[in-house]
Amino acid sequence: MRPKGQAIRAIRSAQNVSIRGLEAATGLNRGYLSRLERGRIREAGEQQVRRVALALGVTHDAITHKEES
């Protein structure tokens, strides 16, 4: 899955959730989350994306690029 880092950051910021708060909610390392938001991770695992989406209360489609067929 290709995450939309800017969307993740925008949603997180709009909800006033810190990167540490997202770390606590997802169990994912904040360094990983930071790289995800900055676009440094081009392909993320489905499980990681779903954990971020669940923590932010959005669908995984809201934070990933549509797959090209």
N, C-alpha and C. Protein backbone atom coordinates (compact mmCIF):
# COMPACT_ATOMS: atom_id res chain seq x y z
N MET A 1 0.84 -1.18 0.00
CA MET A 1 0.00 0.00 0.00
C MET A 1 0.88 1.24 0.00
N ARG A 2 0.49 2.21 -0.81
CA ARG A 2 1.24 3.47 -0.87
C ARG A 2 0.54 4.51 0.00
N PRO A 3 1.11 4.85 1.14
CA PRO A 3 0.46 5.81 2.04
C PRO A 3 0.54 7.25 1.52
N LYS A 4 -0.47 8.03 1.85
CA LYS A 4 -0.48 9.47 1.57
C LYS A 4 0.00 10.16 2.85
N GLY A 5 1.27 10.44 2.90
CA GLY A 5 1.85 11.03 4.10
C GLY A 5 1.25 12.36 4.48
N GLN A 6 1.01 13.21 3.48
CA GLN A 6 0.43 14.53 3.77
C GLN A 6 -0.97 14.40 4.34
N ALA A 7 -1.74 13.44 3.85
CA ALA A 7 -3.10 13.22 4.37
C ALA A 7 -3.04 12.75 5.82
N ILE A 8 -2.12 11.84 6.11
CA ILE A 8 -1.99 11.34 7.48
C ILE A 8 -1.65 12.50 8.41
N ARG A 9 -0.69 13.33 8.02
CA ARG A 9 -0.29 14.46 8.86
C ARG A 9 -1.44 15.46 9.02
N ALA A 10 -2.14 15.75 7.94
CA ALA A 10 -3.24 16.72 8.00
C ALA A 10 -4.36 16.23 8.92
N ILE A 11 -4.72 14.97 8.80
CA ILE A 11 -5.77 14.41 9.66
C ILE A 11 -5.32 14.40 11.11
N ARG A 12 -4.10 13.97 11.33
CA ARG A 12 -3.57 13.93 12.70
C ARG A 12 -3.55 15.32 13.32
N SER A 13 -3.09 16.30 12.55
CA SER A 13 -3.02 17.67 13.06
C SER A 13 -4.41 18.24 13.32
N ALA A 14 -5.35 17.98 12.41
CA ALA A 14 -6.72 18.47 12.57
C ALA A 14 -7.38 17.91 13.83
N GLN A 15 -6.96 16.71 14.21
CA GLN A 15 -7.51 16.07 15.41
C GLN A 15 -6.70 16.41 16.66
N ASN A 16 -5.69 17.26 16.50
CA ASN A 16 -4.81 17.64 17.61
C ASN A 16 -4.16 16.42 18.28
N VAL A 17 -3.75 15.47 17.45
CA VAL A 17 -3.06 14.28 17.94
C VAL A 17 -1.57 14.47 17.65
N SER A 18 -0.75 14.30 18.67
CA SER A 18 0.69 14.41 18.47
C SER A 18 1.22 13.13 17.85
N ILE A 19 2.44 13.20 17.36
CA ILE A 19 3.06 12.00 16.80
C ILE A 19 3.24 10.96 17.90
N ARG A 20 3.50 11.42 19.11
CA ARG A 20 3.61 10.49 20.25
C ARG A 20 2.26 9.88 20.59
N GLY A 21 1.20 10.66 20.45
CA GLY A 21 -0.14 10.13 20.67
C GLY A 21 -0.50 9.08 19.65
N LEU A 22 -0.12 9.32 18.40
CA LEU A 22 -0.37 8.34 17.35
C LEU A 22 0.47 7.08 17.58
N GLU A 23 1.68 7.29 18.07
CA GLU A 23 2.54 6.16 18.41
C GLU A 23 1.87 5.28 19.47
N ALA A 24 1.33 5.93 20.50
CA ALA A 24 0.67 5.19 21.58
C ALA A 24 -0.58 4.46 21.07
N ALA A 25 -1.31 5.11 20.18
CA ALA A 25 -2.56 4.52 19.68
C ALA A 25 -2.33 3.36 18.71
N THR A 26 -1.22 3.41 17.98
CA THR A 26 -0.97 2.39 16.95
C THR A 26 0.03 1.33 17.37
N GLY A 27 0.89 1.66 18.31
CA GLY A 27 1.97 0.75 18.67
C GLY A 27 3.13 0.80 17.69
N LEU A 28 3.06 1.75 16.74
CA LEU A 28 4.14 1.90 15.75
C LEU A 28 5.13 2.95 16.24
N ASN A 29 6.38 2.74 15.98
CA ASN A 29 7.45 3.65 16.38
C ASN A 29 7.23 5.04 15.79
N ARG A 30 7.47 6.08 16.58
CA ARG A 30 7.22 7.44 16.08
C ARG A 30 8.17 7.83 14.95
N GLY A 31 9.36 7.25 14.92
CA GLY A 31 10.27 7.48 13.79
C GLY A 31 9.67 6.94 12.51
N TYR A 32 9.07 5.76 12.60
CA TYR A 32 8.40 5.15 11.44
C TYR A 32 7.23 6.03 11.01
N LEU A 33 6.43 6.49 11.97
CA LEU A 33 5.28 7.34 11.65
C LEU A 33 5.72 8.65 11.01
N SER A 34 6.79 9.22 11.50
CA SER A 34 7.32 10.45 10.94
C SER A 34 7.76 10.25 9.49
N ARG A 35 8.48 9.16 9.24
CA ARG A 35 8.91 8.85 7.87
C ARG A 35 7.71 8.59 6.97
N LEU A 36 6.68 7.97 7.51
CA LEU A 36 5.45 7.72 6.76
C LEU A 36 4.82 9.05 6.33
N GLU A 37 4.72 9.98 7.27
CA GLU A 37 4.13 11.29 6.98
C GLU A 37 4.96 12.11 5.99
N ARG A 38 6.26 11.97 6.05
CA ARG A 38 7.14 12.73 5.16
C ARG A 38 7.33 12.09 3.79
N GLY A 39 6.68 10.96 3.57
CA GLY A 39 6.77 10.29 2.27
C GLY A 39 8.03 9.49 2.08
N ARG A 40 8.74 9.21 3.15
CA ARG A 40 9.99 8.44 3.06
C ARG A 40 9.73 6.94 2.92
N ILE A 41 8.51 6.53 3.24
CA ILE A 41 8.14 5.12 3.11
C ILE A 41 7.15 5.03 1.96
N ARG A 42 7.60 4.49 0.84
CA ARG A 42 6.78 4.46 -0.37
C ARG A 42 5.79 3.30 -0.37
N GLU A 43 6.15 2.21 0.27
CA GLU A 43 5.27 1.04 0.37
C GLU A 43 5.19 0.64 1.84
N ALA A 44 4.00 0.73 2.40
CA ALA A 44 3.80 0.35 3.79
C ALA A 44 2.97 -0.92 3.85
N GLY A 45 3.17 -1.68 4.89
CA GLY A 45 2.39 -2.89 5.06
C GLY A 45 0.92 -2.57 5.31
N GLU A 46 0.06 -3.44 4.84
CA GLU A 46 -1.38 -3.22 5.00
C GLU A 46 -1.77 -3.11 6.47
N GLN A 47 -1.16 -3.93 7.30
CA GLN A 47 -1.48 -3.92 8.74
C GLN A 47 -1.11 -2.57 9.37
N GLN A 48 0.05 -2.02 9.01
CA GLN A 48 0.46 -0.74 9.57
C GLN A 48 -0.49 0.38 9.13
N VAL A 49 -0.87 0.37 7.86
CA VAL A 49 -1.79 1.39 7.34
C VAL A 49 -3.14 1.29 8.05
N ARG A 50 -3.61 0.09 8.22
CA ARG A 50 -4.91 -0.10 8.90
C ARG A 50 -4.85 0.36 10.36
N ARG A 51 -3.71 0.15 11.02
CA ARG A 51 -3.58 0.60 12.41
C ARG A 51 -3.62 2.12 12.50
N VAL A 52 -2.96 2.80 11.56
CA VAL A 52 -2.97 4.26 11.53
C VAL A 52 -4.39 4.75 11.24
N ALA A 53 -5.05 4.15 10.25
CA ALA A 53 -6.41 4.55 9.89
C ALA A 53 -7.36 4.37 11.07
N LEU A 54 -7.26 3.25 11.74
CA LEU A 54 -8.13 2.99 12.89
C LEU A 54 -7.89 4.01 14.00
N ALA A 55 -6.64 4.31 14.27
CA ALA A 55 -6.30 5.28 15.31
C ALA A 55 -6.82 6.68 14.98
N LEU A 56 -6.83 7.01 13.68
CA LEU A 56 -7.31 8.33 13.25
C LEU A 56 -8.81 8.36 12.98
N GLY A 57 -9.44 7.20 12.99
CA GLY A 57 -10.88 7.14 12.77
C GLY A 57 -11.29 7.38 11.33
N VAL A 58 -10.43 6.95 10.40
CA VAL A 58 -10.72 7.12 8.97
C VAL A 58 -10.58 5.77 8.28
N THR A 59 -11.05 5.69 7.04
CA THR A 59 -10.85 4.46 6.28
C THR A 59 -9.42 4.43 5.77
N HIS A 60 -8.93 3.24 5.47
CA HIS A 60 -7.55 3.17 4.94
C HIS A 60 -7.48 3.83 3.57
N ASP A 61 -8.60 3.88 2.85
CA ASP A 61 -8.61 4.56 1.54
C ASP A 61 -8.31 6.05 1.67
N ALA A 62 -8.65 6.64 2.81
CA ALA A 62 -8.43 8.07 3.02
C ALA A 62 -6.94 8.41 3.15
N ILE A 63 -6.13 7.41 3.49
CA ILE A 63 -4.71 7.69 3.73
C ILE A 63 -3.78 6.90 2.81
N THR A 64 -4.34 6.33 1.74
CA THR A 64 -3.51 5.60 0.77
C THR A 64 -3.84 6.06 -0.64
N HIS A 65 -2.87 5.91 -1.51
CA HIS A 65 -3.09 6.19 -2.93
C HIS A 65 -3.86 5.04 -3.53
N LYS A 66 -4.72 5.35 -4.45
CA LYS A 66 -5.48 4.31 -5.15
C LYS A 66 -4.52 3.47 -5.97
N GLU A 67 -4.67 2.17 -5.87
CA GLU A 67 -3.80 1.25 -6.62
C GLU A 67 -4.13 1.31 -8.10
N GLU A 68 -3.09 1.40 -8.92
CA GLU A 68 -3.26 1.39 -10.38
C GLU A 68 -3.41 -0.04 -10.84
N SER A 69 -4.35 -0.29 -11.72
CA SER A 69 -4.54 -1.65 -12.23
C SER A 69 -3.79 -1.85 -13.52
